[in-house]
Amino acid sequence: ERREKSGTYPKYELLTSHLSRRSFATNMYSLGMMSSSDIRKMTGHKTE
């Protein structure tokens, strides 16, 4: 069966379609480029 397995891997092996969503939110938040409420409007997270 397919399961997600934690470990240390070359970065390219960790690339997935979901990585783009998480990268957007993390970059905008950590760099202070967007307010958290604006980020949540795009990602759909209901709370801070």
ModelCIF file with pLDDT and N, C-alpha, C, O atoms, coordinates in Angstrom:
data_MODEL
#
_entry.id   MODEL 
#
_entity.id                         1 
_entity.type                       polymer 
_entity.pdbx_number_of_molecules   1 
#
_entity_poly.entity_id                      1 
_entity_poly.type                           'polypeptide(L)' 
_entity_poly.nstd_linkage                   no 
_entity_poly.nstd_monomer                   no 
_entity_poly.pdbx_seq_one_letter_code       ERREKSGTYPKYELLTSHLSRRSFATNMYSLGMMSSSDIRKMTGHKTE 
_entity_poly.pdbx_seq_one_letter_code_can   ERREKSGTYPKYELLTSHLSRRSFATNMYSLGMMSSSDIRKMTGHKTE 
_entity_poly.pdbx_strand_id                 A 
#
loop_
_entity_poly_seq.entity_id 
_entity_poly_seq.num 
_entity_poly_seq.mon_id 
_entity_poly_seq.hetero 
1 1  GLU n 
1 2  ARG n 
1 3  ARG n 
1 4  GLU n 
1 5  LYS n 
1 6  SER n 
1 7  GLY n 
1 8  THR n 
1 9  TYR n 
1 10 PRO n 
1 11 LYS n 
1 12 TYR n 
1 13 GLU n 
1 14 LEU n 
1 15 LEU n 
1 16 THR n 
1 17 SER n 
1 18 HIS n 
1 19 LEU n 
1 20 SER n 
1 21 ARG n 
1 22 ARG n 
1 23 SER n 
1 24 PHE n 
1 25 ALA n 
1 26 THR n 
1 27 ASN n 
1 28 MET n 
1 29 TYR n 
1 30 SER n 
1 31 LEU n 
1 32 GLY n 
1 33 MET n 
1 34 MET n 
1 35 SER n 
1 36 SER n 
1 37 SER n 
1 38 ASP n 
1 39 ILE n 
1 40 ARG n 
1 41 LYS n 
1 42 MET n 
1 43 THR n 
1 44 GLY n 
1 45 HIS n 
1 46 LYS n 
1 47 THR n 
1 48 GLU n 
#
_struct_asym.id          A 
_struct_asym.entity_id   1 
#
loop_
_ma_qa_metric.id 
_ma_qa_metric.mode 
_ma_qa_metric.name 
_ma_qa_metric.software_group_id 
_ma_qa_metric.type 
1 global pLDDT . pLDDT 
2 local  pLDDT . pLDDT 
#
_ma_qa_metric_global.metric_id      1 
_ma_qa_metric_global.metric_value   87.29 
_ma_qa_metric_global.model_id       1 
_ma_qa_metric_global.ordinal_id     1 
#
loop_
_ma_qa_metric_local.label_asym_id 
_ma_qa_metric_local.label_comp_id 
_ma_qa_metric_local.label_seq_id 
_ma_qa_metric_local.metric_id 
_ma_qa_metric_local.metric_value 
_ma_qa_metric_local.model_id 
_ma_qa_metric_local.ordinal_id 
A GLU 1  2 72.00 1 1  
A ARG 2  2 68.00 1 2  
A ARG 3  2 70.00 1 3  
A GLU 4  2 71.00 1 4  
A LYS 5  2 74.00 1 5  
A SER 6  2 75.00 1 6  
A GLY 7  2 80.00 1 7  
A THR 8  2 88.00 1 8  
A TYR 9  2 91.00 1 9  
A PRO 10 2 94.00 1 10 
A LYS 11 2 94.00 1 11 
A TYR 12 2 95.00 1 12 
A GLU 13 2 94.00 1 13 
A LEU 14 2 92.00 1 14 
A LEU 15 2 94.00 1 15 
A THR 16 2 92.00 1 16 
A SER 17 2 92.00 1 17 
A HIS 18 2 90.00 1 18 
A LEU 19 2 91.00 1 19 
A SER 20 2 93.00 1 20 
A ARG 21 2 92.00 1 21 
A ARG 22 2 92.00 1 22 
A SER 23 2 94.00 1 23 
A PHE 24 2 94.00 1 24 
A ALA 25 2 93.00 1 25 
A THR 26 2 91.00 1 26 
A ASN 27 2 92.00 1 27 
A MET 28 2 92.00 1 28 
A TYR 29 2 88.00 1 29 
A SER 30 2 84.00 1 30 
A LEU 31 2 84.00 1 31 
A GLY 32 2 83.00 1 32 
A MET 33 2 88.00 1 33 
A MET 34 2 90.00 1 34 
A SER 35 2 89.00 1 35 
A SER 36 2 88.00 1 36 
A SER 37 2 90.00 1 37 
A ASP 38 2 91.00 1 38 
A ILE 39 2 91.00 1 39 
A ARG 40 2 90.00 1 40 
A LYS 41 2 87.00 1 41 
A MET 42 2 88.00 1 42 
A THR 43 2 88.00 1 43 
A GLY 44 2 84.00 1 44 
A HIS 45 2 84.00 1 45 
A LYS 46 2 83.00 1 46 
A THR 47 2 86.00 1 47 
A GLU 48 2 84.00 1 48 
#
loop_
_atom_site.group_PDB 
_atom_site.id 
_atom_site.type_symbol 
_atom_site.label_atom_id 
_atom_site.label_alt_id 
_atom_site.label_comp_id 
_atom_site.label_asym_id 
_atom_site.label_entity_id 
_atom_site.label_seq_id 
_atom_site.pdbx_PDB_ins_code 
_atom_site.Cartn_x 
_atom_site.Cartn_y 
_atom_site.Cartn_z 
_atom_site.occupancy 
_atom_site.B_iso_or_equiv 
_atom_site.pdbx_formal_charge 
_atom_site.auth_seq_id 
_atom_site.auth_comp_id 
_atom_site.auth_asym_id 
_atom_site.auth_atom_id 
_atom_site.pdbx_PDB_model_num 
ATOM 1   N N  . GLU A 1 1  ? 0.838   -1.193 0.000  1.00 72.00 ? 1  GLU A N  1 
ATOM 2   C CA . GLU A 1 1  ? 0.000   0.000  0.000  1.00 72.00 ? 1  GLU A CA 1 
ATOM 3   C C  . GLU A 1 1  ? 0.872   1.242  0.000  1.00 72.00 ? 1  GLU A C  1 
ATOM 4   O O  . GLU A 1 1  ? 1.995   1.231  0.503  1.00 72.00 ? 1  GLU A O  1 
ATOM 5   N N  . ARG A 1 2  ? 0.328   2.332  -0.582 1.00 68.00 ? 2  ARG A N  1 
ATOM 6   C CA . ARG A 1 2  ? 1.052   3.590  -0.644 1.00 68.00 ? 2  ARG A CA 1 
ATOM 7   C C  . ARG A 1 2  ? 0.902   4.331  0.683  1.00 68.00 ? 2  ARG A C  1 
ATOM 8   O O  . ARG A 1 2  ? -0.212  4.549  1.159  1.00 68.00 ? 2  ARG A O  1 
ATOM 9   N N  . ARG A 1 3  ? 2.014   4.708  1.266  1.00 70.00 ? 3  ARG A N  1 
ATOM 10  C CA . ARG A 1 3  ? 2.020   5.471  2.516  1.00 70.00 ? 3  ARG A CA 1 
ATOM 11  C C  . ARG A 1 3  ? 3.115   6.532  2.445  1.00 70.00 ? 3  ARG A C  1 
ATOM 12  O O  . ARG A 1 3  ? 4.140   6.342  1.791  1.00 70.00 ? 3  ARG A O  1 
ATOM 13  N N  . GLU A 1 4  ? 2.878   7.655  3.132  1.00 71.00 ? 4  GLU A N  1 
ATOM 14  C CA . GLU A 1 4  ? 3.907   8.680  3.220  1.00 71.00 ? 4  GLU A CA 1 
ATOM 15  C C  . GLU A 1 4  ? 4.923   8.277  4.290  1.00 71.00 ? 4  GLU A C  1 
ATOM 16  O O  . GLU A 1 4  ? 4.554   7.958  5.421  1.00 71.00 ? 4  GLU A O  1 
ATOM 17  N N  . LYS A 1 5  ? 6.187   8.295  3.925  1.00 74.00 ? 5  LYS A N  1 
ATOM 18  C CA . LYS A 1 5  ? 7.242   7.857  4.840  1.00 74.00 ? 5  LYS A CA 1 
ATOM 19  C C  . LYS A 1 5  ? 8.205   9.007  5.094  1.00 74.00 ? 5  LYS A C  1 
ATOM 20  O O  . LYS A 1 5  ? 8.723   9.617  4.158  1.00 74.00 ? 5  LYS A O  1 
ATOM 21  N N  . SER A 1 6  ? 8.440   9.301  6.388  1.00 75.00 ? 6  SER A N  1 
ATOM 22  C CA . SER A 1 6  ? 9.343   10.381 6.770  1.00 75.00 ? 6  SER A CA 1 
ATOM 23  C C  . SER A 1 6  ? 10.790  9.924  6.651  1.00 75.00 ? 6  SER A C  1 
ATOM 24  O O  . SER A 1 6  ? 11.109  8.750  6.836  1.00 75.00 ? 6  SER A O  1 
ATOM 25  N N  . GLY A 1 7  ? 11.653  10.879 6.339  1.00 80.00 ? 7  GLY A N  1 
ATOM 26  C CA . GLY A 1 7  ? 13.073  10.571 6.246  1.00 80.00 ? 7  GLY A CA 1 
ATOM 27  C C  . GLY A 1 7  ? 13.835  11.738 5.664  1.00 80.00 ? 7  GLY A C  1 
ATOM 28  O O  . GLY A 1 7  ? 13.277  12.817 5.467  1.00 80.00 ? 7  GLY A O  1 
ATOM 29  N N  . THR A 1 8  ? 15.116  11.523 5.388  1.00 88.00 ? 8  THR A N  1 
ATOM 30  C CA . THR A 1 8  ? 15.956  12.546 4.760  1.00 88.00 ? 8  THR A CA 1 
ATOM 31  C C  . THR A 1 8  ? 16.202  12.144 3.316  1.00 88.00 ? 8  THR A C  1 
ATOM 32  O O  . THR A 1 8  ? 16.728  11.066 3.040  1.00 88.00 ? 8  THR A O  1 
ATOM 33  N N  . TYR A 1 9  ? 15.812  13.028 2.392  1.00 91.00 ? 9  TYR A N  1 
ATOM 34  C CA . TYR A 1 9  ? 15.872  12.708 0.970  1.00 91.00 ? 9  TYR A CA 1 
ATOM 35  C C  . TYR A 1 9  ? 16.446  13.903 0.190  1.00 91.00 ? 9  TYR A C  1 
ATOM 36  O O  . TYR A 1 9  ? 16.427  15.028 0.691  1.00 91.00 ? 9  TYR A O  1 
ATOM 37  N N  . PRO A 1 10 ? 16.949  13.672 -1.019 1.00 94.00 ? 10 PRO A N  1 
ATOM 38  C CA . PRO A 1 10 ? 17.298  14.797 -1.887 1.00 94.00 ? 10 PRO A CA 1 
ATOM 39  C C  . PRO A 1 10 ? 16.046  15.651 -2.130 1.00 94.00 ? 10 PRO A C  1 
ATOM 40  O O  . PRO A 1 10 ? 14.946  15.119 -2.282 1.00 94.00 ? 10 PRO A O  1 
ATOM 41  N N  . LYS A 1 11 ? 16.217  16.953 -2.164 1.00 94.00 ? 11 LYS A N  1 
ATOM 42  C CA . LYS A 1 11 ? 15.067  17.845 -2.229 1.00 94.00 ? 11 LYS A CA 1 
ATOM 43  C C  . LYS A 1 11 ? 14.164  17.542 -3.417 1.00 94.00 ? 11 LYS A C  1 
ATOM 44  O O  . LYS A 1 11 ? 12.942  17.634 -3.304 1.00 94.00 ? 11 LYS A O  1 
ATOM 45  N N  . TYR A 1 12 ? 14.758  17.179 -4.566 1.00 95.00 ? 12 TYR A N  1 
ATOM 46  C CA . TYR A 1 12 ? 13.928  16.955 -5.743 1.00 95.00 ? 12 TYR A CA 1 
ATOM 47  C C  . TYR A 1 12 ? 12.952  15.805 -5.538 1.00 95.00 ? 12 TYR A C  1 
ATOM 48  O O  . TYR A 1 12 ? 11.894  15.779 -6.166 1.00 95.00 ? 12 TYR A O  1 
ATOM 49  N N  . GLU A 1 13 ? 13.292  14.841 -4.657 1.00 94.00 ? 13 GLU A N  1 
ATOM 50  C CA . GLU A 1 13 ? 12.392  13.727 -4.405 1.00 94.00 ? 13 GLU A CA 1 
ATOM 51  C C  . GLU A 1 13 ? 11.173  14.147 -3.571 1.00 94.00 ? 13 GLU A C  1 
ATOM 52  O O  . GLU A 1 13 ? 10.184  13.416 -3.511 1.00 94.00 ? 13 GLU A O  1 
ATOM 53  N N  . LEU A 1 14 ? 11.241  15.313 -2.934 1.00 92.00 ? 14 LEU A N  1 
ATOM 54  C CA . LEU A 1 14 ? 10.151  15.787 -2.083 1.00 92.00 ? 14 LEU A CA 1 
ATOM 55  C C  . LEU A 1 14 ? 9.188   16.706 -2.829 1.00 92.00 ? 14 LEU A C  1 
ATOM 56  O O  . LEU A 1 14 ? 8.185   17.144 -2.266 1.00 92.00 ? 14 LEU A O  1 
ATOM 57  N N  . LEU A 1 15 ? 9.488   16.998 -4.094 1.00 94.00 ? 15 LEU A N  1 
ATOM 58  C CA . LEU A 1 15 ? 8.622   17.915 -4.844 1.00 94.00 ? 15 LEU A CA 1 
ATOM 59  C C  . LEU A 1 15 ? 7.290   17.245 -5.172 1.00 94.00 ? 15 LEU A C  1 
ATOM 60  O O  . LEU A 1 15 ? 7.247   16.145 -5.723 1.00 94.00 ? 15 LEU A O  1 
ATOM 61  N N  . THR A 1 16 ? 6.212   17.932 -4.822 1.00 92.00 ? 16 THR A N  1 
ATOM 62  C CA . THR A 1 16 ? 4.858   17.475 -5.139 1.00 92.00 ? 16 THR A CA 1 
ATOM 63  C C  . THR A 1 16 ? 4.017   18.669 -5.543 1.00 92.00 ? 16 THR A C  1 
ATOM 64  O O  . THR A 1 16 ? 4.423   19.819 -5.377 1.00 92.00 ? 16 THR A O  1 
ATOM 65  N N  . SER A 1 17 ? 2.853   18.383 -6.071 1.00 92.00 ? 17 SER A N  1 
ATOM 66  C CA . SER A 1 17 ? 1.952   19.464 -6.475 1.00 92.00 ? 17 SER A CA 1 
ATOM 67  C C  . SER A 1 17 ? 1.561   20.346 -5.296 1.00 92.00 ? 17 SER A C  1 
ATOM 68  O O  . SER A 1 17 ? 1.362   21.550 -5.459 1.00 92.00 ? 17 SER A O  1 
ATOM 69  N N  . HIS A 1 18 ? 1.451   19.748 -4.098 1.00 90.00 ? 18 HIS A N  1 
ATOM 70  C CA . HIS A 1 18 ? 1.025   20.519 -2.930 1.00 90.00 ? 18 HIS A CA 1 
ATOM 71  C C  . HIS A 1 18 ? 2.114   21.464 -2.440 1.00 90.00 ? 18 HIS A C  1 
ATOM 72  O O  . HIS A 1 18 ? 1.832   22.420 -1.718 1.00 90.00 ? 18 HIS A O  1 
ATOM 73  N N  . LEU A 1 19 ? 3.354   21.200 -2.830 1.00 91.00 ? 19 LEU A N  1 
ATOM 74  C CA . LEU A 1 19 ? 4.469   22.017 -2.373 1.00 91.00 ? 19 LEU A CA 1 
ATOM 75  C C  . LEU A 1 19 ? 4.325   23.470 -2.808 1.00 91.00 ? 19 LEU A C  1 
ATOM 76  O O  . LEU A 1 19 ? 4.788   24.371 -2.109 1.00 91.00 ? 19 LEU A O  1 
ATOM 77  N N  . SER A 1 20 ? 3.688   23.710 -3.954 1.00 93.00 ? 20 SER A N  1 
ATOM 78  C CA . SER A 1 20 ? 3.540   25.086 -4.431 1.00 93.00 ? 20 SER A CA 1 
ATOM 79  C C  . SER A 1 20 ? 2.626   25.894 -3.514 1.00 93.00 ? 20 SER A C  1 
ATOM 80  O O  . SER A 1 20 ? 2.908   27.061 -3.241 1.00 93.00 ? 20 SER A O  1 
ATOM 81  N N  . ARG A 1 21 ? 1.533   25.295 -3.033 1.00 92.00 ? 21 ARG A N  1 
ATOM 82  C CA . ARG A 1 21 ? 0.633   25.980 -2.097 1.00 92.00 ? 21 ARG A CA 1 
ATOM 83  C C  . ARG A 1 21 ? 1.343   26.319 -0.791 1.00 92.00 ? 21 ARG A C  1 
ATOM 84  O O  . ARG A 1 21 ? 1.254   27.442 -0.295 1.00 92.00 ? 21 ARG A O  1 
ATOM 85  N N  . ARG A 1 22 ? 2.046   25.338 -0.246 1.00 92.00 ? 22 ARG A N  1 
ATOM 86  C CA . ARG A 1 22 ? 2.743   25.563 1.015  1.00 92.00 ? 22 ARG A CA 1 
ATOM 87  C C  . ARG A 1 22 ? 3.868   26.588 0.843  1.00 92.00 ? 22 ARG A C  1 
ATOM 88  O O  . ARG A 1 22 ? 4.108   27.405 1.732  1.00 92.00 ? 22 ARG A O  1 
ATOM 89  N N  . SER A 1 23 ? 4.554   26.541 -0.302 1.00 94.00 ? 23 SER A N  1 
ATOM 90  C CA . SER A 1 23 ? 5.633   27.495 -0.558 1.00 94.00 ? 23 SER A CA 1 
ATOM 91  C C  . SER A 1 23 ? 5.088   28.915 -0.645 1.00 94.00 ? 23 SER A C  1 
ATOM 92  O O  . SER A 1 23 ? 5.672   29.843 -0.086 1.00 94.00 ? 23 SER A O  1 
ATOM 93  N N  . PHE A 1 24 ? 3.976   29.082 -1.341 1.00 94.00 ? 24 PHE A N  1 
ATOM 94  C CA . PHE A 1 24 ? 3.365   30.412 -1.444 1.00 94.00 ? 24 PHE A CA 1 
ATOM 95  C C  . PHE A 1 24 ? 3.066   30.967 -0.057 1.00 94.00 ? 24 PHE A C  1 
ATOM 96  O O  . PHE A 1 24 ? 3.464   32.085 0.273  1.00 94.00 ? 24 PHE A O  1 
ATOM 97  N N  . ALA A 1 25 ? 2.362   30.180 0.752  1.00 93.00 ? 25 ALA A N  1 
ATOM 98  C CA . ALA A 1 25 ? 1.954   30.656 2.077  1.00 93.00 ? 25 ALA A CA 1 
ATOM 99  C C  . ALA A 1 25 ? 3.166   30.946 2.955  1.00 93.00 ? 25 ALA A C  1 
ATOM 100 O O  . ALA A 1 25 ? 3.204   31.966 3.643  1.00 93.00 ? 25 ALA A O  1 
ATOM 101 N N  . THR A 1 26 ? 4.161   30.051 2.935  1.00 91.00 ? 26 THR A N  1 
ATOM 102 C CA . THR A 1 26 ? 5.342   30.226 3.773  1.00 91.00 ? 26 THR A CA 1 
ATOM 103 C C  . THR A 1 26 ? 6.164   31.436 3.346  1.00 91.00 ? 26 THR A C  1 
ATOM 104 O O  . THR A 1 26 ? 6.598   32.223 4.187  1.00 91.00 ? 26 THR A O  1 
ATOM 105 N N  . ASN A 1 27 ? 6.377   31.586 2.045  1.00 92.00 ? 27 ASN A N  1 
ATOM 106 C CA . ASN A 1 27 ? 7.162   32.722 1.555  1.00 92.00 ? 27 ASN A CA 1 
ATOM 107 C C  . ASN A 1 27 ? 6.492   34.051 1.869  1.00 92.00 ? 27 ASN A C  1 
ATOM 108 O O  . ASN A 1 27 ? 7.138   34.981 2.353  1.00 92.00 ? 27 ASN A O  1 
ATOM 109 N N  . MET A 1 28 ? 5.203   34.136 1.594  1.00 92.00 ? 28 MET A N  1 
ATOM 110 C CA . MET A 1 28 ? 4.501   35.399 1.825  1.00 92.00 ? 28 MET A CA 1 
ATOM 111 C C  . MET A 1 28 ? 4.452   35.763 3.305  1.00 92.00 ? 28 MET A C  1 
ATOM 112 O O  . MET A 1 28 ? 4.522   36.938 3.666  1.00 92.00 ? 28 MET A O  1 
ATOM 113 N N  . TYR A 1 29 ? 4.331   34.734 4.172  1.00 88.00 ? 29 TYR A N  1 
ATOM 114 C CA . TYR A 1 29 ? 4.239   34.971 5.613  1.00 88.00 ? 29 TYR A CA 1 
ATOM 115 C C  . TYR A 1 29 ? 5.604   35.288 6.213  1.00 88.00 ? 29 TYR A C  1 
ATOM 116 O O  . TYR A 1 29 ? 5.761   36.283 6.921  1.00 88.00 ? 29 TYR A O  1 
ATOM 117 N N  . SER A 1 30 ? 6.589   34.438 5.928  1.00 84.00 ? 30 SER A N  1 
ATOM 118 C CA . SER A 1 30 ? 7.892   34.595 6.571  1.00 84.00 ? 30 SER A CA 1 
ATOM 119 C C  . SER A 1 30 ? 8.619   35.846 6.099  1.00 84.00 ? 30 SER A C  1 
ATOM 120 O O  . SER A 1 30 ? 9.393   36.434 6.854  1.00 84.00 ? 30 SER A O  1 
ATOM 121 N N  . LEU A 1 31 ? 8.379   36.259 4.854  1.00 84.00 ? 31 LEU A N  1 
ATOM 122 C CA . LEU A 1 31 ? 9.025   37.466 4.326  1.00 84.00 ? 31 LEU A CA 1 
ATOM 123 C C  . LEU A 1 31 ? 8.208   38.728 4.604  1.00 84.00 ? 31 LEU A C  1 
ATOM 124 O O  . LEU A 1 31 ? 8.627   39.832 4.256  1.00 84.00 ? 31 LEU A O  1 
ATOM 125 N N  . GLY A 1 32 ? 7.041   38.561 5.234  1.00 83.00 ? 32 GLY A N  1 
ATOM 126 C CA . GLY A 1 32 ? 6.202   39.713 5.554  1.00 83.00 ? 32 GLY A CA 1 
ATOM 127 C C  . GLY A 1 32 ? 5.644   40.409 4.328  1.00 83.00 ? 32 GLY A C  1 
ATOM 128 O O  . GLY A 1 32 ? 5.378   41.610 4.366  1.00 83.00 ? 32 GLY A O  1 
ATOM 129 N N  . MET A 1 33 ? 5.459   39.665 3.227  1.00 88.00 ? 33 MET A N  1 
ATOM 130 C CA . MET A 1 33 ? 5.009   40.276 1.983  1.00 88.00 ? 33 MET A CA 1 
ATOM 131 C C  . MET A 1 33 ? 3.488   40.400 1.916  1.00 88.00 ? 33 MET A C  1 
ATOM 132 O O  . MET A 1 33 ? 2.963   41.206 1.147  1.00 88.00 ? 33 MET A O  1 
ATOM 133 N N  . MET A 1 34 ? 2.774   39.597 2.726  1.00 90.00 ? 34 MET A N  1 
ATOM 134 C CA . MET A 1 34 ? 1.311   39.649 2.778  1.00 90.00 ? 34 MET A CA 1 
ATOM 135 C C  . MET A 1 34 ? 0.875   39.486 4.212  1.00 90.00 ? 34 MET A C  1 
ATOM 136 O O  . MET A 1 34 ? 1.562   38.846 5.008  1.00 90.00 ? 34 MET A O  1 
ATOM 137 N N  . SER A 1 35 ? -0.264  40.061 4.546  1.00 89.00 ? 35 SER A N  1 
ATOM 138 C CA . SER A 1 35 ? -0.829  39.824 5.868  1.00 89.00 ? 35 SER A CA 1 
ATOM 139 C C  . SER A 1 35 ? -1.357  38.395 5.937  1.00 89.00 ? 35 SER A C  1 
ATOM 140 O O  . SER A 1 35 ? -1.696  37.802 4.912  1.00 89.00 ? 35 SER A O  1 
ATOM 141 N N  . SER A 1 36 ? -1.424  37.851 7.134  1.00 88.00 ? 36 SER A N  1 
ATOM 142 C CA . SER A 1 36 ? -1.906  36.474 7.289  1.00 88.00 ? 36 SER A CA 1 
ATOM 143 C C  . SER A 1 36 ? -3.354  36.346 6.825  1.00 88.00 ? 36 SER A C  1 
ATOM 144 O O  . SER A 1 36 ? -3.742  35.303 6.299  1.00 88.00 ? 36 SER A O  1 
ATOM 145 N N  . SER A 1 37 ? -4.150  37.384 7.012  1.00 90.00 ? 37 SER A N  1 
ATOM 146 C CA . SER A 1 37 ? -5.555  37.310 6.584  1.00 90.00 ? 37 SER A CA 1 
ATOM 147 C C  . SER A 1 37 ? -5.658  37.240 5.068  1.00 90.00 ? 37 SER A C  1 
ATOM 148 O O  . SER A 1 37 ? -6.531  36.553 4.539  1.00 90.00 ? 37 SER A O  1 
ATOM 149 N N  . ASP A 1 38 ? -4.768  37.951 4.355  1.00 91.00 ? 38 ASP A N  1 
ATOM 150 C CA . ASP A 1 38 ? -4.775  37.888 2.888  1.00 91.00 ? 38 ASP A CA 1 
ATOM 151 C C  . ASP A 1 38 ? -4.298  36.521 2.401  1.00 91.00 ? 38 ASP A C  1 
ATOM 152 O O  . ASP A 1 38 ? -4.828  35.977 1.433  1.00 91.00 ? 38 ASP A O  1 
ATOM 153 N N  . ILE A 1 39 ? -3.286  35.970 3.087  1.00 91.00 ? 39 ILE A N  1 
ATOM 154 C CA . ILE A 1 39 ? -2.808  34.630 2.716  1.00 91.00 ? 39 ILE A CA 1 
ATOM 155 C C  . ILE A 1 39 ? -3.921  33.616 2.905  1.00 91.00 ? 39 ILE A C  1 
ATOM 156 O O  . ILE A 1 39 ? -4.138  32.759 2.048  1.00 91.00 ? 39 ILE A O  1 
ATOM 157 N N  . ARG A 1 40 ? -4.636  33.709 4.041  1.00 90.00 ? 40 ARG A N  1 
ATOM 158 C CA . ARG A 1 40 ? -5.715  32.766 4.325  1.00 90.00 ? 40 ARG A CA 1 
ATOM 159 C C  . ARG A 1 40 ? -6.842  32.884 3.312  1.00 90.00 ? 40 ARG A C  1 
ATOM 160 O O  . ARG A 1 40 ? -7.522  31.900 3.020  1.00 90.00 ? 40 ARG A O  1 
ATOM 161 N N  . LYS A 1 41 ? -7.044  34.075 2.777  1.00 87.00 ? 41 LYS A N  1 
ATOM 162 C CA . LYS A 1 41 ? -8.086  34.247 1.757  1.00 87.00 ? 41 LYS A CA 1 
ATOM 163 C C  . LYS A 1 41 ? -7.766  33.406 0.525  1.00 87.00 ? 41 LYS A C  1 
ATOM 164 O O  . LYS A 1 41 ? -8.668  32.880 -0.128 1.00 87.00 ? 41 LYS A O  1 
ATOM 165 N N  . MET A 1 42 ? -6.479  33.284 0.213  1.00 88.00 ? 42 MET A N  1 
ATOM 166 C CA . MET A 1 42 ? -6.082  32.507 -0.954 1.00 88.00 ? 42 MET A CA 1 
ATOM 167 C C  . MET A 1 42 ? -5.965  31.015 -0.654 1.00 88.00 ? 42 MET A C  1 
ATOM 168 O O  . MET A 1 42 ? -6.307  30.184 -1.495 1.00 88.00 ? 42 MET A O  1 
ATOM 169 N N  . THR A 1 43 ? -5.481  30.674 0.543  1.00 88.00 ? 43 THR A N  1 
ATOM 170 C CA . THR A 1 43 ? -5.274  29.257 0.850  1.00 88.00 ? 43 THR A CA 1 
ATOM 171 C C  . THR A 1 43 ? -6.528  28.582 1.394  1.00 88.00 ? 43 THR A C  1 
ATOM 172 O O  . THR A 1 43 ? -6.665  27.362 1.309  1.00 88.00 ? 43 THR A O  1 
ATOM 173 N N  . GLY A 1 44 ? -7.453  29.384 1.958  1.00 84.00 ? 44 GLY A N  1 
ATOM 174 C CA . GLY A 1 44 ? -8.682  28.815 2.493  1.00 84.00 ? 44 GLY A CA 1 
ATOM 175 C C  . GLY A 1 44 ? -8.597  28.394 3.943  1.00 84.00 ? 44 GLY A C  1 
ATOM 176 O O  . GLY A 1 44 ? -9.549  27.810 4.461  1.00 84.00 ? 44 GLY A O  1 
ATOM 177 N N  . HIS A 1 45 ? -7.478  28.673 4.626  1.00 84.00 ? 45 HIS A N  1 
ATOM 178 C CA . HIS A 1 45 ? -7.399  28.345 6.055  1.00 84.00 ? 45 HIS A CA 1 
ATOM 179 C C  . HIS A 1 45 ? -8.342  29.251 6.839  1.00 84.00 ? 45 HIS A C  1 
ATOM 180 O O  . HIS A 1 45 ? -8.354  30.468 6.652  1.00 84.00 ? 45 HIS A O  1 
ATOM 181 N N  . LYS A 1 46 ? -9.128  28.639 7.718  1.00 83.00 ? 46 LYS A N  1 
ATOM 182 C CA . LYS A 1 46 ? -10.196 29.383 8.387  1.00 83.00 ? 46 LYS A CA 1 
ATOM 183 C C  . LYS A 1 46 ? -9.699  30.223 9.559  1.00 83.00 ? 46 LYS A C  1 
ATOM 184 O O  . LYS A 1 46 ? -10.315 31.233 9.901  1.00 83.00 ? 46 LYS A O  1 
ATOM 185 N N  . THR A 1 47 ? -8.589  29.814 10.180 1.00 86.00 ? 47 THR A N  1 
ATOM 186 C CA . THR A 1 47 ? -8.095  30.536 11.346 1.00 86.00 ? 47 THR A CA 1 
ATOM 187 C C  . THR A 1 47 ? -6.601  30.796 11.218 1.00 86.00 ? 47 THR A C  1 
ATOM 188 O O  . THR A 1 47 ? -5.900  30.141 10.446 1.00 86.00 ? 47 THR A O  1 
ATOM 189 N N  . GLU A 1 48 ? -6.131  31.773 11.996 1.00 84.00 ? 48 GLU A N  1 
ATOM 190 C CA . GLU A 1 48 ? -4.704  32.098 12.033 1.00 84.00 ? 48 GLU A CA 1 
ATOM 191 C C  . GLU A 1 48 ? -3.891  30.897 12.517 1.00 84.00 ? 48 GLU A C  1 
ATOM 192 O O  . GLU A 1 48 ? -2.666  30.979 12.615 1.00 84.00 ? 48 GLU A O  1 
#
